[in-house]
PDB file of N, CA and C in Angstrom:
ATOM      1  N   MET A   1      61.442 -49.576 170.806  1.00  0.00           N
ATOM      2  CA  MET A   1      62.073 -49.048 172.484  1.00  0.00           C
ATOM      3  C   MET A   1      60.582 -48.740 173.227  1.00  0.00           C
ATOM      4  N   PRO A   2      59.874 -47.997 171.691  1.00  0.00           N
ATOM      5  CA  PRO A   2      58.229 -47.600 172.470  1.00  0.00           C
ATOM      6  C   PRO A   2      57.193 -48.548 172.647  1.00  0.00           C
ATOM      7  N   ALA A   3      57.373 -48.983 171.375  1.00  0.00           N
ATOM      8  CA  ALA A   3      55.871 -50.061 171.616  1.00  0.00           C
ATOM      9  C   ALA A   3      56.568 -51.465 173.474  1.00  0.00           C
ATOM     10  N   ARG A   4      58.305 -51.663 174.106  1.00  0.00           N
ATOM     11  CA  ARG A   4      58.152 -52.559 174.641  1.00  0.00           C
ATOM     12  C   ARG A   4      58.026 -51.705 176.585  1.00  0.00           C
ATOM     13  N   ILE A   5      57.738 -50.449 175.657  1.00  0.00           N
ATOM     14  CA  ILE A   5      56.995 -49.638 177.103  1.00  0.00           C
ATOM     15  C   ILE A   5      55.552 -49.684 177.562  1.00  0.00           C
ATOM     16  N   ALA A   6      55.037 -49.818 176.473  1.00  0.00           N
ATOM     17  CA  ALA A   6      53.817 -49.699 175.697  1.00  0.00           C
ATOM     18  C   ALA A   6      53.231 -51.195 176.641  1.00  0.00           C
ATOM     19  N   GLN A   7      53.778 -52.185 176.502  1.00  0.00           N
ATOM     20  CA  GLN A   7      53.566 -53.524 176.331  1.00  0.00           C
ATOM     21  C   GLN A   7      53.755 -53.525 178.221  1.00  0.00           C
ATOM     22  N   ASP A   8      55.130 -52.860 178.547  1.00  0.00           N
ATOM     23  CA  ASP A   8      54.819 -53.403 180.288  1.00  0.00           C
ATOM     24  C   ASP A   8      54.479 -52.378 181.232  1.00  0.00           C
ATOM     25  N   TRP A   9      53.317 -51.437 180.237  1.00  0.00           N
ATOM     26  CA  TRP A   9      52.533 -50.727 180.587  1.00  0.00           C
ATOM     27  C   TRP A   9      51.007 -51.544 181.189  1.00  0.00           C
ATOM     28  N   LEU A  10      50.766 -52.241 179.908  1.00  0.00           N
ATOM     29  CA  LEU A  10      49.647 -52.437 179.656  1.00  0.00           C
ATOM     30  C   LEU A  10      49.727 -54.323 180.347  1.00  0.00           C
ATOM     31  N   GLU A  11      50.503 -55.066 180.464  1.00  0.00           N
ATOM     32  CA  GLU A  11      50.049 -55.988 181.847  1.00  0.00           C
ATOM     33  C   GLU A  11      50.634 -55.343 182.711  1.00  0.00           C
ATOM     34  N   ALA A  12      51.519 -54.744 183.500  1.00  0.00           N
ATOM     35  CA  ALA A  12      51.163 -53.876 184.765  1.00  0.00           C
ATOM     36  C   ALA A  12      49.658 -53.390 184.898  1.00  0.00           C
ATOM     37  N   GLN A  13      49.549 -52.277 184.052  1.00  0.00           N
ATOM     38  CA  GLN A  13      47.458 -53.134 184.346  1.00  0.00           C
ATOM     39  C   GLN A  13      46.949 -53.696 184.251  1.00  0.00           C
ATOM     40  N   SER A  14      47.110 -54.504 183.888  1.00  0.00           N
ATOM     41  CA  SER A  14      45.887 -56.015 183.706  1.00  0.00           C
ATOM     42  C   SER A  14      46.538 -56.245 185.271  1.00  0.00           C
ATOM     43  N   ALA A  15      48.031 -56.401 185.239  1.00  0.00           N
ATOM     44  CA  ALA A  15      48.162 -56.910 186.527  1.00  0.00           C
ATOM     45  C   ALA A  15      47.478 -56.353 187.619  1.00  0.00           C
ATOM     46  N   LEU A  16      46.547 -54.910 187.732  1.00  0.00           N
ATOM     47  CA  LEU A  16      45.927 -54.507 188.472  1.00  0.00           C
ATOM     48  C   LEU A  16      44.799 -54.951 189.202  1.00  0.00           C
ATOM     49  N   VAL A  17      44.341 -55.002 187.489  1.00  0.00           N
ATOM     50  CA  VAL A  17      42.994 -55.452 186.651  1.00  0.00           C
ATOM     51  C   VAL A  17      43.137 -57.503 187.494  1.00  0.00           C
ATOM     52  N   ASP A  18      43.587 -57.750 187.559  1.00  0.00           N
ATOM     53  CA  ASP A  18      43.781 -59.849 187.985  1.00  0.00           C
ATOM     54  C   ASP A  18      43.563 -59.179 188.918  1.00  0.00           C
ATOM     55  N   ALA A  19      45.043 -59.167 189.186  1.00  0.00           N
ATOM     56  CA  ALA A  19      44.135 -58.668 191.691  1.00  0.00           C
ATOM     57  C   ALA A  19      42.953 -57.819 191.565  1.00  0.00           C
ATOM     58  N   GLN A  20      42.379 -57.321 191.323  1.00  0.00           N
ATOM     59  CA  GLN A  20      40.853 -56.538 191.811  1.00  0.00           C
ATOM     60  C   GLN A  20      41.134 -55.999 192.668  1.00  0.00           C
ATOM     61  N   LEU A  21      42.060 -54.566 191.882  1.00  0.00           N
ATOM     62  CA  LEU A  21      43.116 -53.703 193.279  1.00  0.00           C
ATOM     63  C   LEU A  21      42.488 -52.757 192.172  1.00  0.00           C
ATOM     64  N   ALA A  22      41.567 -52.668 190.763  1.00  0.00           N
ATOM     65  CA  ALA A  22      41.793 -51.350 189.680  1.00  0.00           C
ATOM     66  C   ALA A  22      40.356 -52.105 188.844  1.00  0.00           C
ATOM     67  N   THR A  23      39.999 -51.482 188.400  1.00  0.00           N
ATOM     68  CA  THR A  23      38.656 -52.331 187.397  1.00  0.00           C
ATOM     69  C   THR A  23      39.290 -51.716 185.936  1.00  0.00           C
ATOM     70  N   LEU A  24      39.129 -52.561 184.651  1.00  0.00           N
ATOM     71  CA  LEU A  24      39.464 -51.993 183.174  1.00  0.00           C
ATOM     72  C   LEU A  24      39.151 -50.560 183.056  1.00  0.00           C
ATOM     73  N   ASP A  25      37.773 -50.451 182.998  1.00  0.00           N
ATOM     74  CA  ASP A  25      37.648 -48.979 183.134  1.00  0.00           C
ATOM     75  C   ASP A  25      38.144 -47.928 183.437  1.00  0.00           C
ATOM     76  N   GLU A  26      38.607 -47.889 184.900  1.00  0.00           N
ATOM     77  CA  GLU A  26      39.933 -47.075 185.138  1.00  0.00           C
ATOM     78  C   GLU A  26      41.044 -47.335 185.021  1.00  0.00           C
ATOM     79  N   VAL A  27      41.206 -48.919 184.997  1.00  0.00           N
ATOM     80  CA  VAL A  27      43.268 -48.463 184.571  1.00  0.00           C
ATOM     81  C   VAL A  27      42.816 -47.375 183.447  1.00  0.00           C
ATOM     82  N   MET A  28      42.154 -47.813 181.679  1.00  0.00           N
ATOM     83  CA  MET A  28      42.366 -47.233 180.796  1.00  0.00           C
ATOM     84  C   MET A  28      41.760 -45.778 181.258  1.00  0.00           C
ATOM     85  N   LEU A  29      41.012 -45.404 181.388  1.00  0.00           N
ATOM     86  CA  LEU A  29      40.715 -44.332 181.639  1.00  0.00           C
ATOM     87  C   LEU A  29      41.756 -43.053 182.231  1.00  0.00           C
ATOM     88  N   PRO A  30      42.242 -42.246 180.923  1.00  0.00           N
ATOM     89  CA  PRO A  30      43.485 -41.688 182.274  1.00  0.00           C
ATOM     90  C   PRO A  30      42.787 -40.858 182.825  1.00  0.00           C
ATOM     91  N   TYR A  31      44.024 -40.569 183.958  1.00  0.00           N
ATOM     92  CA  TYR A  31      43.250 -39.505 185.321  1.00  0.00           C
ATOM     93  C   TYR A  31      43.355 -38.593 184.765  1.00  0.00           C
ATOM     94  N   MET A  32      42.647 -37.577 183.755  1.00  0.00           N
ATOM     95  CA  MET A  32      42.563 -35.897 183.110  1.00  0.00           C
ATOM     96  C   MET A  32      41.052 -35.530 184.583  1.00  0.00           C
ATOM     97  N   VAL A  33      41.377 -34.692 184.241  1.00  0.00           N
ATOM     98  CA  VAL A  33      40.854 -33.359 184.757  1.00  0.00           C
ATOM     99  C   VAL A  33      39.054 -32.745 184.123  1.00  0.00           C
ATOM    100  N   GLY A  34      38.084 -33.234 184.587  1.00  0.00           N
ATOM    101  CA  GLY A  34      37.559 -32.302 183.034  1.00  0.00           C
ATOM    102  C   GLY A  34      37.143 -30.800 184.490  1.00  0.00           C
ATOM    103  N   PRO A  35      36.359 -29.976 182.324  1.00  0.00           N
ATOM    104  CA  PRO A  35      36.233 -28.574 183.847  1.00  0.00           C
ATOM    105  C   PRO A  35      36.034 -28.572 185.050  1.00  0.00           C
ATOM    106  N   SER A  36      35.034 -29.555 185.438  1.00  0.00           N
ATOM    107  CA  SER A  36      33.999 -29.674 186.494  1.00  0.00           C
ATOM    108  C   SER A  36      35.325 -30.235 188.120  1.00  0.00           C
ATOM    109  N   GLY A  37      36.872 -30.522 187.944  1.00  0.00           N
ATOM    110  CA  GLY A  37      37.489 -30.525 188.673  1.00  0.00           C
ATOM    111  C   GLY A  37      37.426 -31.965 189.096  1.00  0.00           C
ATOM    112  N   GLU A  38      36.424 -33.324 188.017  1.00  0.00           N
ATOM    113  CA  GLU A  38      35.998 -34.433 188.612  1.00  0.00           C
ATOM    114  C   GLU A  38      36.900 -34.972 187.842  1.00  0.00           C
ATOM    115  N   THR A  39      37.764 -35.978 187.651  1.00  0.00           N
ATOM    116  CA  THR A  39      38.560 -37.251 187.070  1.00  0.00           C
ATOM    117  C   THR A  39      37.633 -37.154 186.455  1.00  0.00           C
ATOM    118  N   MET A  40      37.872 -37.914 184.320  1.00  0.00           N
ATOM    119  CA  MET A  40      37.310 -38.267 183.363  1.00  0.00           C
ATOM    120  C   MET A  40      36.418 -39.735 184.092  1.00  0.00           C
ATOM    121  N   TYR A  41      37.095 -40.508 185.285  1.00  0.00           N
ATOM    122  CA  TYR A  41      36.620 -41.159 185.661  1.00  0.00           C
ATOM    123  C   TYR A  41      35.568 -42.008 185.982  1.00  0.00           C
ATOM    124  N   ALA A  42      36.112 -40.849 187.340  1.00  0.00           N
ATOM    125  CA  ALA A  42      34.510 -40.096 187.953  1.00  0.00           C
ATOM    126  C   ALA A  42      33.297 -39.861 187.380  1.00  0.00           C
ATOM    127  N   VAL A  43      33.275 -39.154 186.239  1.00  0.00           N
ATOM    128  CA  VAL A  43      32.247 -38.568 185.072  1.00  0.00           C
ATOM    129  C   VAL A  43      31.962 -39.739 184.705  1.00  0.00           C
ATOM    130  N   PHE A  44      33.124 -41.014 183.851  1.00  0.00           N
ATOM    131  CA  PHE A  44      32.037 -41.862 183.501  1.00  0.00           C
ATOM    132  C   PHE A  44      31.605 -43.229 184.790  1.00  0.00           C
ATOM    133  N   ARG A  45      32.570 -43.055 185.628  1.00  0.00           N
ATOM    134  CA  ARG A  45      31.024 -44.258 186.666  1.00  0.00           C
ATOM    135  C   ARG A  45      30.326 -43.665 187.262  1.00  0.00           C
ATOM    136  N   ALA A  46      29.722 -42.195 187.320  1.00  0.00           N
ATOM    137  CA  ALA A  46      29.329 -41.549 187.782  1.00  0.00           C
ATOM    138  C   ALA A  46      27.467 -41.746 186.551  1.00  0.00           C
ATOM    139  N   GLN A  47      27.925 -41.644 184.909  1.00  0.00           N
ATOM    140  CA  GLN A  47      27.000 -41.608 184.258  1.00  0.00           C
ATOM    141  C   GLN A  47      26.502 -43.151 184.116  1.00  0.00           C
ATOM    142  N   GLN A  48      27.415 -44.393 184.487  1.00  0.00           N
ATOM    143  CA  GLN A  48      27.142 -45.636 184.675  1.00  0.00           C
ATOM    144  C   GLN A  48      25.985 -45.519 185.656  1.00  0.00           C
ATOM    145  N   LYS A  49      26.752 -45.028 186.590  1.00  0.00           N
ATOM    146  CA  LYS A  49      25.231 -45.154 187.588  1.00  0.00           C
ATOM    147  C   LYS A  49      23.493 -44.810 187.570  1.00  0.00           C
ATOM    148  N   GLU A  50      23.922 -44.042 186.898  1.00  0.00           N
ATOM    149  CA  GLU A  50      23.138 -42.979 185.710  1.00  0.00           C
ATOM    150  C   GLU A  50      22.052 -43.612 184.604  1.00  0.00           C
ATOM    151  N   ILE A  51      22.474 -44.663 184.729  1.00  0.00           N
ATOM    152  CA  ILE A  51      21.905 -45.448 183.335  1.00  0.00           C
ATOM    153  C   ILE A  51      21.821 -47.045 183.668  1.00  0.00           C
ATOM    154  N   THR A  52      22.382 -47.642 185.279  1.00  0.00           N
ATOM    155  CA  THR A  52      21.707 -48.498 185.753  1.00  0.00           C
ATOM    156  C   THR A  52      20.593 -48.166 186.307  1.00  0.00           C
ATOM    157  N   GLN A  53      20.078 -47.490 186.877  1.00  0.00           N
ATOM    158  CA  GLN A  53      19.725 -46.476 188.116  1.00  0.00           C
ATOM    159  C   GLN A  53      18.284 -46.434 187.321  1.00  0.00           C
TER     160      GLN A  53
END
């Protein structure tokens, strides 16, 4: 049963990405909040911008 739940979750996340409602990194990173109050996704995106600039 837990494997089915994980499969359903993964298919739902994939559908969001396919519909361009979210990015892959956005749905695969948990919405954890760091010490600064930012989500781990926000921290990740900020670091990605720093790398590309």
